N, C-alpha and C. Protein backbone atom coordinates (compact mmCIF):
# COMPACT_ATOMS: atom_id res chain seq x y z
N UNK A 1 15.43 -2.08 9.49
CA UNK A 1 13.97 -2.15 9.38
C UNK A 1 13.48 -3.50 9.87
N UNK A 2 12.36 -3.50 10.54
CA UNK A 2 11.79 -4.75 11.07
C UNK A 2 11.27 -5.63 9.94
N UNK A 3 11.61 -6.92 10.01
CA UNK A 3 10.95 -7.93 9.18
C UNK A 3 11.05 -7.72 7.69
N UNK A 4 12.28 -7.69 7.13
CA UNK A 4 12.41 -7.44 5.71
C UNK A 4 11.81 -8.57 4.88
N UNK A 5 12.04 -9.82 5.28
CA UNK A 5 11.57 -10.95 4.48
C UNK A 5 10.20 -11.39 5.00
N UNK A 6 9.18 -10.60 4.66
CA UNK A 6 7.85 -10.90 5.16
C UNK A 6 7.00 -11.52 4.06
N UNK A 7 5.92 -12.15 4.50
CA UNK A 7 5.02 -12.79 3.56
C UNK A 7 3.58 -12.42 3.85
N UNK A 8 2.74 -12.56 2.82
CA UNK A 8 1.30 -12.44 2.98
C UNK A 8 0.70 -13.85 3.00
N UNK A 9 -0.19 -14.09 3.92
CA UNK A 9 -0.93 -15.35 3.97
C UNK A 9 -2.38 -14.97 4.28
N UNK A 10 -3.22 -14.99 3.28
CA UNK A 10 -4.57 -14.42 3.38
C UNK A 10 -5.61 -15.41 2.90
N UNK A 11 -6.63 -15.63 3.72
CA UNK A 11 -7.82 -16.39 3.34
C UNK A 11 -9.01 -15.65 3.92
N UNK A 12 -9.78 -15.00 3.07
CA UNK A 12 -10.88 -14.17 3.56
C UNK A 12 -12.12 -14.36 2.70
N UNK A 13 -13.27 -14.10 3.32
CA UNK A 13 -14.51 -14.00 2.58
C UNK A 13 -15.39 -12.96 3.25
N UNK A 14 -16.18 -12.29 2.41
CA UNK A 14 -17.05 -11.24 2.92
C UNK A 14 -18.22 -11.04 1.96
N UNK A 15 -19.41 -10.96 2.51
CA UNK A 15 -20.60 -10.66 1.72
C UNK A 15 -20.81 -9.15 1.73
N UNK A 16 -20.83 -8.55 0.54
CA UNK A 16 -21.09 -7.12 0.40
C UNK A 16 -22.26 -6.94 -0.55
N UNK A 17 -23.45 -6.69 0.01
CA UNK A 17 -24.64 -6.62 -0.83
C UNK A 17 -24.88 -7.95 -1.50
N UNK A 18 -24.94 -7.93 -2.84
CA UNK A 18 -25.17 -9.18 -3.57
C UNK A 18 -23.87 -9.83 -4.03
N UNK A 19 -22.74 -9.29 -3.57
CA UNK A 19 -21.43 -9.85 -3.98
C UNK A 19 -20.82 -10.65 -2.83
N UNK A 20 -20.34 -11.83 -3.17
CA UNK A 20 -19.61 -12.64 -2.19
C UNK A 20 -18.15 -12.62 -2.60
N UNK A 21 -17.34 -11.92 -1.81
CA UNK A 21 -15.94 -11.72 -2.14
C UNK A 21 -15.09 -12.74 -1.39
N UNK A 22 -14.28 -13.46 -2.13
CA UNK A 22 -13.37 -14.43 -1.52
C UNK A 22 -11.97 -14.26 -2.10
N UNK A 23 -10.99 -14.56 -1.27
CA UNK A 23 -9.60 -14.55 -1.74
C UNK A 23 -8.80 -15.50 -0.87
N UNK A 24 -7.89 -16.23 -1.49
CA UNK A 24 -7.00 -17.12 -0.76
C UNK A 24 -5.65 -17.13 -1.48
N UNK A 25 -4.62 -16.63 -0.80
CA UNK A 25 -3.30 -16.58 -1.44
C UNK A 25 -2.21 -16.46 -0.38
N UNK A 26 -1.02 -16.83 -0.77
CA UNK A 26 0.16 -16.63 0.07
C UNK A 26 1.32 -16.25 -0.82
N UNK A 27 2.23 -15.48 -0.28
CA UNK A 27 3.40 -15.05 -1.05
C UNK A 27 4.53 -14.75 -0.09
N UNK A 28 5.74 -14.88 -0.61
CA UNK A 28 6.92 -14.62 0.21
C UNK A 28 7.52 -13.28 -0.17
N UNK A 29 7.13 -12.24 0.55
CA UNK A 29 7.69 -10.91 0.31
C UNK A 29 7.41 -10.41 -1.09
N UNK A 30 8.27 -9.53 -1.60
CA UNK A 30 8.11 -8.99 -2.93
C UNK A 30 6.84 -8.19 -3.09
N UNK A 31 6.32 -8.14 -4.32
CA UNK A 31 5.10 -7.42 -4.63
C UNK A 31 4.03 -8.41 -5.06
N UNK A 32 2.97 -8.50 -4.30
CA UNK A 32 1.84 -9.37 -4.59
C UNK A 32 0.74 -8.54 -5.19
N UNK A 33 0.33 -8.87 -6.41
CA UNK A 33 -0.67 -8.08 -7.12
C UNK A 33 -2.00 -8.79 -7.16
N UNK A 34 -3.05 -8.08 -6.78
CA UNK A 34 -4.43 -8.54 -6.95
C UNK A 34 -4.91 -7.99 -8.28
N UNK A 35 -5.10 -8.86 -9.25
CA UNK A 35 -5.42 -8.46 -10.62
C UNK A 35 -6.83 -8.89 -10.97
N UNK A 36 -7.61 -7.96 -11.48
CA UNK A 36 -8.96 -8.29 -11.90
C UNK A 36 -9.70 -7.06 -12.38
N UNK A 37 -10.90 -7.24 -12.95
CA UNK A 37 -11.66 -6.11 -13.47
C UNK A 37 -12.22 -5.24 -12.35
N UNK A 38 -12.66 -4.05 -12.73
CA UNK A 38 -13.30 -3.16 -11.76
C UNK A 38 -14.53 -3.84 -11.18
N UNK A 39 -14.73 -3.70 -9.89
CA UNK A 39 -15.88 -4.30 -9.23
C UNK A 39 -15.69 -5.74 -8.81
N UNK A 40 -14.49 -6.29 -9.03
CA UNK A 40 -14.26 -7.71 -8.70
C UNK A 40 -14.01 -7.94 -7.22
N UNK A 41 -13.72 -6.87 -6.48
CA UNK A 41 -13.49 -7.01 -5.04
C UNK A 41 -12.05 -6.86 -4.61
N UNK A 42 -11.18 -6.41 -5.52
CA UNK A 42 -9.75 -6.29 -5.21
C UNK A 42 -9.51 -5.33 -4.03
N UNK A 43 -10.09 -4.15 -4.12
CA UNK A 43 -9.88 -3.16 -3.06
C UNK A 43 -10.52 -3.61 -1.75
N UNK A 44 -11.62 -4.34 -1.84
CA UNK A 44 -12.24 -4.86 -0.62
C UNK A 44 -11.29 -5.84 0.08
N UNK A 45 -10.63 -6.69 -0.69
CA UNK A 45 -9.66 -7.62 -0.10
C UNK A 45 -8.52 -6.83 0.54
N UNK A 46 -8.03 -5.82 -0.17
CA UNK A 46 -6.96 -4.99 0.37
C UNK A 46 -7.39 -4.29 1.67
N UNK A 47 -8.63 -3.81 1.70
CA UNK A 47 -9.13 -3.15 2.90
C UNK A 47 -9.28 -4.13 4.06
N UNK A 48 -9.53 -5.39 3.77
CA UNK A 48 -9.56 -6.39 4.84
C UNK A 48 -8.16 -6.57 5.43
N UNK A 49 -7.15 -6.57 4.58
CA UNK A 49 -5.78 -6.68 5.07
C UNK A 49 -5.41 -5.44 5.89
N UNK A 50 -5.89 -4.28 5.47
CA UNK A 50 -5.60 -3.04 6.17
C UNK A 50 -6.31 -2.94 7.51
N UNK A 51 -7.41 -3.69 7.66
CA UNK A 51 -8.21 -3.58 8.88
C UNK A 51 -9.34 -2.58 8.75
N UNK A 52 -9.60 -2.12 7.53
CA UNK A 52 -10.67 -1.15 7.29
C UNK A 52 -12.01 -1.83 6.99
N UNK A 53 -11.97 -3.11 6.66
CA UNK A 53 -13.17 -3.90 6.37
C UNK A 53 -12.98 -5.26 7.03
N UNK A 54 -13.95 -5.64 7.84
CA UNK A 54 -13.81 -6.90 8.59
C UNK A 54 -14.35 -8.07 7.77
N UNK A 55 -13.54 -9.10 7.57
CA UNK A 55 -14.04 -10.28 6.86
C UNK A 55 -15.15 -10.97 7.66
N UNK A 56 -16.02 -11.66 6.97
CA UNK A 56 -17.01 -12.50 7.66
C UNK A 56 -16.33 -13.75 8.22
N UNK A 57 -15.30 -14.20 7.55
CA UNK A 57 -14.56 -15.39 7.99
C UNK A 57 -13.18 -15.35 7.37
N UNK A 58 -12.26 -16.10 7.99
CA UNK A 58 -10.94 -16.23 7.40
C UNK A 58 -9.82 -15.88 8.35
N UNK A 59 -8.65 -15.69 7.75
CA UNK A 59 -7.42 -15.43 8.51
C UNK A 59 -6.50 -14.57 7.66
N UNK A 60 -5.87 -13.59 8.29
CA UNK A 60 -4.92 -12.70 7.61
C UNK A 60 -3.63 -12.68 8.42
N UNK A 61 -2.53 -13.04 7.77
CA UNK A 61 -1.23 -13.01 8.43
C UNK A 61 -0.23 -12.30 7.52
N UNK A 62 0.53 -11.37 8.09
CA UNK A 62 1.58 -10.68 7.35
C UNK A 62 2.87 -10.80 8.13
N UNK A 63 3.89 -11.35 7.48
CA UNK A 63 5.18 -11.50 8.13
C UNK A 63 5.16 -12.34 9.38
N UNK A 64 4.32 -13.36 9.37
CA UNK A 64 4.25 -14.24 10.52
C UNK A 64 3.39 -13.71 11.65
N UNK A 65 2.84 -12.51 11.50
CA UNK A 65 1.99 -11.93 12.54
C UNK A 65 0.53 -12.04 12.13
N UNK A 66 -0.28 -12.63 12.97
CA UNK A 66 -1.71 -12.77 12.68
C UNK A 66 -2.40 -11.44 12.95
N UNK A 67 -3.05 -10.91 11.91
CA UNK A 67 -3.77 -9.65 12.03
C UNK A 67 -5.27 -9.88 12.22
N UNK A 68 -5.74 -11.00 11.69
CA UNK A 68 -7.16 -11.35 11.81
C UNK A 68 -7.29 -12.86 11.78
N UNK A 69 -8.09 -13.38 12.68
CA UNK A 69 -8.42 -14.81 12.68
C UNK A 69 -9.81 -14.94 13.26
N UNK A 70 -10.76 -15.26 12.39
CA UNK A 70 -12.16 -15.32 12.82
C UNK A 70 -12.36 -16.37 13.91
N UNK A 71 -11.76 -17.54 13.74
CA UNK A 71 -11.97 -18.62 14.70
C UNK A 71 -11.35 -18.31 16.06
N UNK A 72 -10.21 -17.64 16.07
CA UNK A 72 -9.53 -17.33 17.32
C UNK A 72 -9.91 -15.96 17.88
N UNK A 73 -10.86 -15.28 17.21
CA UNK A 73 -11.36 -13.98 17.67
C UNK A 73 -10.24 -12.93 17.74
N UNK A 74 -9.34 -12.97 16.77
CA UNK A 74 -8.28 -11.97 16.68
C UNK A 74 -8.65 -10.96 15.60
N UNK A 75 -8.58 -9.68 15.93
CA UNK A 75 -8.84 -8.63 14.95
C UNK A 75 -8.04 -7.39 15.38
N UNK A 76 -6.79 -7.31 14.92
CA UNK A 76 -5.91 -6.20 15.29
C UNK A 76 -6.45 -4.91 14.68
N UNK A 77 -6.60 -3.83 15.45
CA UNK A 77 -7.08 -2.56 14.90
C UNK A 77 -6.21 -2.06 13.76
N UNK A 78 -6.82 -1.35 12.83
CA UNK A 78 -6.12 -0.91 11.61
C UNK A 78 -4.82 -0.17 11.93
N UNK A 79 -4.85 0.75 12.86
CA UNK A 79 -3.65 1.55 13.13
C UNK A 79 -2.51 0.69 13.65
N UNK A 80 -2.83 -0.34 14.39
CA UNK A 80 -1.78 -1.20 14.95
C UNK A 80 -1.21 -2.19 13.93
N UNK A 81 -1.85 -2.29 12.78
CA UNK A 81 -1.33 -3.20 11.75
C UNK A 81 -0.11 -2.64 11.03
N UNK A 82 0.08 -1.34 11.11
CA UNK A 82 1.23 -0.66 10.50
C UNK A 82 1.32 -0.91 8.99
N UNK A 83 0.19 -0.67 8.33
CA UNK A 83 0.15 -0.72 6.87
C UNK A 83 0.28 0.70 6.32
N UNK A 84 1.17 0.87 5.35
CA UNK A 84 1.25 2.15 4.65
C UNK A 84 0.36 2.08 3.42
N UNK A 85 -0.69 2.91 3.39
CA UNK A 85 -1.70 2.83 2.33
C UNK A 85 -1.52 3.99 1.36
N UNK A 86 -1.40 3.68 0.07
CA UNK A 86 -1.29 4.69 -0.99
C UNK A 86 -2.45 4.47 -1.94
N UNK A 87 -3.23 5.54 -2.16
CA UNK A 87 -4.45 5.44 -2.96
C UNK A 87 -4.23 5.96 -4.39
N UNK A 88 -5.20 5.69 -5.24
CA UNK A 88 -5.14 6.12 -6.64
C UNK A 88 -5.00 7.63 -6.76
N UNK A 89 -5.69 8.38 -5.90
CA UNK A 89 -5.73 9.84 -6.04
C UNK A 89 -4.82 10.56 -5.06
N UNK A 90 -3.90 9.88 -4.45
CA UNK A 90 -2.86 10.37 -3.53
C UNK A 90 -3.42 10.85 -2.18
N UNK A 91 -4.55 11.54 -2.17
CA UNK A 91 -5.21 11.98 -0.94
C UNK A 91 -4.30 12.81 -0.04
N UNK A 92 -3.53 13.70 -0.65
CA UNK A 92 -2.73 14.63 0.15
C UNK A 92 -3.64 15.66 0.79
N UNK A 93 -3.22 16.18 1.93
CA UNK A 93 -4.00 17.22 2.60
C UNK A 93 -3.77 18.54 1.89
N UNK A 94 -4.83 19.13 1.29
CA UNK A 94 -4.62 20.32 0.46
C UNK A 94 -4.18 21.55 1.26
N UNK A 95 -4.46 21.58 2.57
CA UNK A 95 -4.13 22.74 3.38
C UNK A 95 -2.72 22.65 3.98
N UNK A 96 -1.99 21.58 3.66
CA UNK A 96 -0.63 21.40 4.17
C UNK A 96 0.36 21.36 3.01
N UNK A 97 1.49 22.04 3.19
CA UNK A 97 2.55 21.94 2.20
C UNK A 97 3.12 20.51 2.19
N UNK A 98 3.92 20.22 1.19
CA UNK A 98 4.47 18.87 1.04
C UNK A 98 5.21 18.43 2.30
N UNK A 99 6.04 19.31 2.87
CA UNK A 99 6.79 18.96 4.07
C UNK A 99 5.86 18.47 5.18
N UNK A 100 4.76 19.20 5.40
CA UNK A 100 3.86 18.85 6.49
C UNK A 100 3.01 17.63 6.16
N UNK A 101 2.72 17.40 4.87
CA UNK A 101 2.07 16.14 4.50
C UNK A 101 2.97 14.97 4.86
N UNK A 102 4.26 15.09 4.56
CA UNK A 102 5.20 14.02 4.87
C UNK A 102 5.34 13.83 6.38
N UNK A 103 5.42 14.93 7.11
CA UNK A 103 5.60 14.84 8.55
C UNK A 103 4.34 14.34 9.25
N UNK A 104 3.21 14.43 8.59
CA UNK A 104 1.99 13.84 9.15
C UNK A 104 2.19 12.32 9.29
N UNK A 105 2.79 11.70 8.28
CA UNK A 105 3.08 10.27 8.38
C UNK A 105 4.06 9.99 9.50
N UNK A 106 5.08 10.81 9.63
CA UNK A 106 6.08 10.66 10.69
C UNK A 106 5.43 10.74 12.06
N UNK A 107 4.49 11.69 12.22
CA UNK A 107 3.84 11.88 13.52
C UNK A 107 2.96 10.69 13.89
N UNK A 108 2.47 9.96 12.91
CA UNK A 108 1.61 8.80 13.17
C UNK A 108 2.39 7.64 13.77
N UNK A 109 3.69 7.60 13.52
CA UNK A 109 4.50 6.44 13.90
C UNK A 109 5.02 6.57 15.33
N UNK A 110 5.01 5.46 16.03
CA UNK A 110 5.66 5.43 17.35
C UNK A 110 7.16 5.58 17.14
N UNK A 111 7.83 6.40 17.95
CA UNK A 111 9.27 6.62 17.76
C UNK A 111 10.08 5.33 17.66
N UNK A 112 9.73 4.34 18.44
CA UNK A 112 10.48 3.08 18.43
C UNK A 112 10.34 2.33 17.11
N UNK A 113 9.27 2.61 16.35
CA UNK A 113 9.02 1.88 15.11
C UNK A 113 9.61 2.58 13.87
N UNK A 114 9.99 3.83 13.99
CA UNK A 114 10.46 4.59 12.83
C UNK A 114 11.76 4.01 12.27
N UNK A 115 11.82 3.84 10.95
CA UNK A 115 13.02 3.33 10.33
C UNK A 115 13.49 4.20 9.16
N UNK A 116 12.80 5.31 8.92
CA UNK A 116 13.20 6.25 7.87
C UNK A 116 12.86 7.65 8.35
N UNK A 117 13.77 8.62 8.08
CA UNK A 117 13.46 10.00 8.45
C UNK A 117 13.14 10.83 7.22
N UNK A 118 12.81 12.10 7.44
CA UNK A 118 12.37 12.96 6.35
C UNK A 118 13.44 13.10 5.27
N UNK A 119 14.68 13.33 5.68
CA UNK A 119 15.75 13.48 4.69
C UNK A 119 15.93 12.21 3.86
N UNK A 120 15.87 11.07 4.51
CA UNK A 120 16.04 9.80 3.79
C UNK A 120 14.90 9.57 2.81
N UNK A 121 13.68 9.89 3.23
CA UNK A 121 12.52 9.70 2.35
C UNK A 121 12.59 10.62 1.14
N UNK A 122 12.95 11.89 1.36
CA UNK A 122 12.99 12.83 0.23
C UNK A 122 14.12 12.48 -0.74
N UNK A 123 15.25 11.99 -0.21
CA UNK A 123 16.34 11.57 -1.11
C UNK A 123 15.92 10.33 -1.90
N UNK A 124 15.33 9.36 -1.23
CA UNK A 124 14.95 8.12 -1.89
C UNK A 124 13.95 8.39 -3.02
N UNK A 125 13.03 9.30 -2.79
CA UNK A 125 11.95 9.56 -3.75
C UNK A 125 12.24 10.74 -4.68
N UNK A 126 13.34 11.46 -4.43
CA UNK A 126 13.67 12.60 -5.28
C UNK A 126 12.70 13.75 -5.17
N UNK A 127 12.25 14.05 -3.95
CA UNK A 127 11.22 15.08 -3.78
C UNK A 127 11.65 16.21 -2.85
N UNK A 128 12.95 16.32 -2.56
CA UNK A 128 13.42 17.37 -1.66
C UNK A 128 13.05 18.76 -2.18
N UNK A 129 13.06 18.92 -3.50
CA UNK A 129 12.76 20.23 -4.09
C UNK A 129 11.28 20.59 -4.02
N UNK A 130 10.46 19.65 -3.57
CA UNK A 130 9.01 19.89 -3.50
C UNK A 130 8.54 20.28 -2.10
N UNK A 131 9.41 20.30 -1.11
CA UNK A 131 8.98 20.39 0.28
C UNK A 131 8.14 21.61 0.59
N UNK A 132 8.38 22.73 -0.07
CA UNK A 132 7.64 23.95 0.24
C UNK A 132 6.45 24.18 -0.70
N UNK A 133 6.16 23.21 -1.55
CA UNK A 133 5.06 23.35 -2.51
C UNK A 133 3.73 22.95 -1.87
N UNK A 134 2.65 23.50 -2.45
CA UNK A 134 1.30 23.08 -2.06
C UNK A 134 0.87 21.92 -2.95
N UNK A 135 0.06 20.99 -2.43
CA UNK A 135 -0.37 19.85 -3.25
C UNK A 135 -1.00 20.24 -4.58
N UNK A 136 -1.73 21.34 -4.61
CA UNK A 136 -2.43 21.72 -5.85
C UNK A 136 -1.46 22.09 -6.98
N UNK A 137 -0.20 22.36 -6.63
CA UNK A 137 0.78 22.74 -7.65
C UNK A 137 1.58 21.54 -8.17
N UNK A 138 1.32 20.37 -7.66
CA UNK A 138 2.09 19.19 -8.04
C UNK A 138 1.49 18.49 -9.26
N UNK A 139 2.35 17.87 -10.05
CA UNK A 139 1.85 16.99 -11.11
C UNK A 139 1.35 15.71 -10.47
N UNK A 140 0.66 14.89 -11.26
CA UNK A 140 0.16 13.63 -10.73
C UNK A 140 1.27 12.73 -10.22
N UNK A 141 2.39 12.66 -10.95
CA UNK A 141 3.51 11.84 -10.53
C UNK A 141 4.16 12.37 -9.26
N UNK A 142 4.30 13.69 -9.17
CA UNK A 142 4.87 14.29 -7.96
C UNK A 142 4.00 14.01 -6.75
N UNK A 143 2.68 14.16 -6.93
CA UNK A 143 1.76 13.91 -5.82
C UNK A 143 1.84 12.47 -5.34
N UNK A 144 1.97 11.52 -6.28
CA UNK A 144 2.05 10.12 -5.86
C UNK A 144 3.37 9.83 -5.14
N UNK A 145 4.45 10.46 -5.55
CA UNK A 145 5.71 10.26 -4.83
C UNK A 145 5.61 10.82 -3.41
N UNK A 146 4.94 11.95 -3.26
CA UNK A 146 4.75 12.50 -1.91
C UNK A 146 3.87 11.57 -1.08
N UNK A 147 2.81 11.04 -1.70
CA UNK A 147 1.93 10.11 -0.97
C UNK A 147 2.70 8.86 -0.54
N UNK A 148 3.57 8.36 -1.40
CA UNK A 148 4.40 7.21 -1.02
C UNK A 148 5.34 7.59 0.12
N UNK A 149 5.91 8.79 0.06
CA UNK A 149 6.78 9.25 1.14
C UNK A 149 6.05 9.35 2.46
N UNK A 150 4.83 9.86 2.44
CA UNK A 150 4.04 9.95 3.68
C UNK A 150 3.80 8.55 4.24
N UNK A 151 3.52 7.58 3.36
CA UNK A 151 3.31 6.21 3.82
C UNK A 151 4.59 5.62 4.41
N UNK A 152 5.73 5.87 3.77
CA UNK A 152 6.99 5.33 4.28
C UNK A 152 7.34 5.91 5.65
N UNK A 153 7.05 7.19 5.84
CA UNK A 153 7.39 7.84 7.10
C UNK A 153 6.47 7.42 8.24
N UNK A 154 5.39 6.72 7.93
CA UNK A 154 4.50 6.22 8.99
C UNK A 154 5.02 4.91 9.58
N UNK A 155 6.24 4.51 9.19
CA UNK A 155 6.89 3.30 9.71
C UNK A 155 6.11 2.03 9.40
N UNK A 156 5.74 1.81 8.14
CA UNK A 156 4.94 0.64 7.83
C UNK A 156 5.74 -0.65 7.87
N UNK A 157 5.06 -1.74 8.21
CA UNK A 157 5.62 -3.08 8.07
C UNK A 157 5.39 -3.61 6.66
N UNK A 158 4.38 -3.05 5.98
CA UNK A 158 4.09 -3.44 4.60
C UNK A 158 3.31 -2.31 3.95
N UNK A 159 3.26 -2.31 2.61
CA UNK A 159 2.57 -1.27 1.85
C UNK A 159 1.37 -1.83 1.13
N UNK A 160 0.31 -1.03 1.05
CA UNK A 160 -0.87 -1.33 0.26
C UNK A 160 -1.01 -0.24 -0.80
N UNK A 161 -0.94 -0.62 -2.06
CA UNK A 161 -1.02 0.33 -3.17
C UNK A 161 -2.27 0.01 -3.98
N UNK A 162 -3.21 0.95 -4.01
CA UNK A 162 -4.50 0.74 -4.67
C UNK A 162 -4.57 1.53 -5.96
N UNK A 163 -4.34 0.85 -7.09
CA UNK A 163 -4.37 1.47 -8.42
C UNK A 163 -3.57 2.77 -8.45
N UNK A 164 -2.31 2.77 -8.00
CA UNK A 164 -1.57 4.03 -7.87
C UNK A 164 -1.20 4.69 -9.19
N UNK A 165 -1.36 3.97 -10.31
CA UNK A 165 -0.99 4.52 -11.61
C UNK A 165 -2.19 4.91 -12.46
N UNK A 166 -3.39 4.63 -11.98
CA UNK A 166 -4.59 4.73 -12.83
C UNK A 166 -4.85 6.14 -13.34
N UNK A 167 -4.50 7.16 -12.58
CA UNK A 167 -4.84 8.52 -12.99
C UNK A 167 -3.67 9.26 -13.64
N UNK A 168 -2.59 8.54 -13.98
CA UNK A 168 -1.38 9.18 -14.50
C UNK A 168 -1.24 9.00 -16.01
N UNK A 169 -0.57 9.97 -16.65
CA UNK A 169 -0.29 9.82 -18.08
C UNK A 169 0.89 8.84 -18.24
N UNK A 170 1.13 8.36 -19.47
CA UNK A 170 2.14 7.30 -19.66
C UNK A 170 3.52 7.64 -19.09
N UNK A 171 4.00 8.88 -19.26
CA UNK A 171 5.33 9.23 -18.75
C UNK A 171 5.37 9.16 -17.24
N UNK A 172 4.33 9.66 -16.59
CA UNK A 172 4.29 9.64 -15.12
C UNK A 172 4.09 8.21 -14.61
N UNK A 173 3.36 7.40 -15.36
CA UNK A 173 3.16 5.99 -14.97
C UNK A 173 4.51 5.28 -14.90
N UNK A 174 5.34 5.48 -15.92
CA UNK A 174 6.64 4.82 -15.94
C UNK A 174 7.51 5.32 -14.79
N UNK A 175 7.43 6.61 -14.50
CA UNK A 175 8.19 7.20 -13.39
C UNK A 175 7.82 6.54 -12.06
N UNK A 176 6.51 6.37 -11.81
CA UNK A 176 6.07 5.80 -10.53
C UNK A 176 6.32 4.29 -10.50
N UNK A 177 6.24 3.62 -11.65
CA UNK A 177 6.58 2.20 -11.66
C UNK A 177 8.04 1.99 -11.26
N UNK A 178 8.92 2.88 -11.69
CA UNK A 178 10.33 2.79 -11.29
C UNK A 178 10.47 2.98 -9.79
N UNK A 179 9.71 3.91 -9.21
CA UNK A 179 9.72 4.11 -7.76
C UNK A 179 9.24 2.84 -7.05
N UNK A 180 8.18 2.24 -7.56
CA UNK A 180 7.63 1.03 -6.93
C UNK A 180 8.63 -0.12 -7.01
N UNK A 181 9.33 -0.22 -8.12
CA UNK A 181 10.37 -1.25 -8.24
C UNK A 181 11.47 -1.04 -7.20
N UNK A 182 11.80 0.20 -6.91
CA UNK A 182 12.81 0.48 -5.88
C UNK A 182 12.26 0.15 -4.49
N UNK A 183 10.99 0.41 -4.25
CA UNK A 183 10.39 0.01 -2.97
C UNK A 183 10.50 -1.50 -2.79
N UNK A 184 10.23 -2.21 -3.85
CA UNK A 184 10.25 -3.67 -3.83
C UNK A 184 11.68 -4.21 -3.67
N UNK A 185 12.61 -3.65 -4.44
CA UNK A 185 13.95 -4.24 -4.54
C UNK A 185 14.97 -3.64 -3.56
N UNK A 186 14.91 -2.34 -3.33
CA UNK A 186 15.90 -1.68 -2.47
C UNK A 186 15.46 -1.69 -1.01
N UNK A 187 14.23 -1.29 -0.75
CA UNK A 187 13.73 -1.29 0.63
C UNK A 187 13.24 -2.67 1.04
N UNK A 188 12.91 -3.48 0.05
CA UNK A 188 12.41 -4.84 0.30
C UNK A 188 11.16 -4.84 1.17
N UNK A 189 10.33 -3.82 0.96
CA UNK A 189 9.05 -3.78 1.65
C UNK A 189 8.07 -4.71 0.95
N UNK A 190 7.40 -5.58 1.67
CA UNK A 190 6.34 -6.37 1.05
C UNK A 190 5.18 -5.46 0.65
N UNK A 191 4.68 -5.67 -0.54
CA UNK A 191 3.66 -4.79 -1.11
C UNK A 191 2.48 -5.61 -1.58
N UNK A 192 1.28 -5.17 -1.20
CA UNK A 192 0.04 -5.73 -1.76
C UNK A 192 -0.54 -4.68 -2.69
N UNK A 193 -0.66 -5.03 -3.96
CA UNK A 193 -0.89 -4.07 -5.03
C UNK A 193 -2.17 -4.42 -5.78
N UNK A 194 -3.03 -3.44 -5.97
CA UNK A 194 -4.29 -3.65 -6.69
C UNK A 194 -4.21 -3.01 -8.06
N UNK A 195 -4.61 -3.76 -9.09
CA UNK A 195 -4.62 -3.21 -10.45
C UNK A 195 -5.55 -4.03 -11.35
N UNK A 196 -6.01 -3.38 -12.42
CA UNK A 196 -6.75 -4.10 -13.46
C UNK A 196 -5.91 -4.21 -14.73
N UNK A 197 -4.67 -3.71 -14.69
CA UNK A 197 -3.80 -3.62 -15.87
C UNK A 197 -2.78 -4.76 -15.85
N UNK A 198 -2.95 -5.72 -16.74
CA UNK A 198 -2.07 -6.90 -16.73
C UNK A 198 -0.63 -6.53 -17.06
N UNK A 199 -0.39 -5.65 -18.03
CA UNK A 199 0.98 -5.29 -18.39
C UNK A 199 1.71 -4.68 -17.20
N UNK A 200 1.03 -3.80 -16.50
CA UNK A 200 1.59 -3.15 -15.31
C UNK A 200 1.95 -4.20 -14.25
N UNK A 201 1.04 -5.11 -14.01
CA UNK A 201 1.25 -6.14 -12.99
C UNK A 201 2.37 -7.09 -13.39
N UNK A 202 2.45 -7.46 -14.66
CA UNK A 202 3.50 -8.38 -15.09
C UNK A 202 4.88 -7.76 -14.96
N UNK A 203 4.97 -6.45 -15.06
CA UNK A 203 6.25 -5.78 -14.85
C UNK A 203 6.63 -5.73 -13.37
N UNK A 204 5.66 -5.49 -12.50
CA UNK A 204 5.96 -5.19 -11.10
C UNK A 204 5.88 -6.38 -10.15
N UNK A 205 5.01 -7.33 -10.45
CA UNK A 205 4.66 -8.33 -9.43
C UNK A 205 5.63 -9.49 -9.38
N UNK A 206 5.86 -9.98 -8.17
CA UNK A 206 6.54 -11.25 -7.97
C UNK A 206 5.51 -12.38 -7.80
N UNK A 207 4.30 -12.02 -7.39
CA UNK A 207 3.19 -12.97 -7.30
C UNK A 207 1.93 -12.28 -7.82
N UNK A 208 1.18 -12.97 -8.70
CA UNK A 208 -0.07 -12.42 -9.24
C UNK A 208 -1.22 -13.26 -8.74
N UNK A 209 -2.23 -12.60 -8.15
CA UNK A 209 -3.41 -13.27 -7.63
C UNK A 209 -4.62 -12.80 -8.41
N UNK A 210 -5.21 -13.64 -9.28
CA UNK A 210 -6.41 -13.23 -10.01
C UNK A 210 -7.60 -13.09 -9.05
N UNK A 211 -8.32 -11.99 -9.18
CA UNK A 211 -9.55 -11.78 -8.42
C UNK A 211 -10.67 -11.57 -9.43
N UNK A 212 -11.61 -12.52 -9.47
CA UNK A 212 -12.67 -12.45 -10.48
C UNK A 212 -13.98 -12.05 -9.87
N UNK A 213 -14.96 -11.86 -10.74
CA UNK A 213 -16.32 -11.53 -10.30
C UNK A 213 -16.96 -12.76 -9.68
């Protein structure tokens, strides 16, 4: 896999309505958590890293690669940043079975960039038995594992996880936290993680970045 020991180096600011969102942090690989209350701007910062929201000023670098630099007029398009994004509600395509949801991620990746195949992803996540299921038949934990698999198959250089445990019951939360720990420790993918739950973050994060109002 390309660039296992990657880091986040982020300094951004953005005015959104009456809110002025700022963040400045750096971390060496592992899981970097943006921790703060709802409405503090955590997801906005994550979207700036993803390339979905353009900062008014600042610089974003992941793994030594500059993705955005206001002064140097650099703004790499979102798709070229190779971020695997996992959302709170999984956002699986309801008209596609699990296999085709996973292969959608595979199809997004340039062949030269792929570092995991379908069999490897399903074994890693324990979801081979779900391949012929429809998303509507999955539990919350199963759906999140499939969403993570789709992100992994898109050949990401890093992962963005936005409140991935918020809609799960306690048993499923622990299940997905174990998966996230394996992403961090076994695959060594750098992860930028958004949460308002301090206990969750203290278990998962190697670096915690407070984001306040």
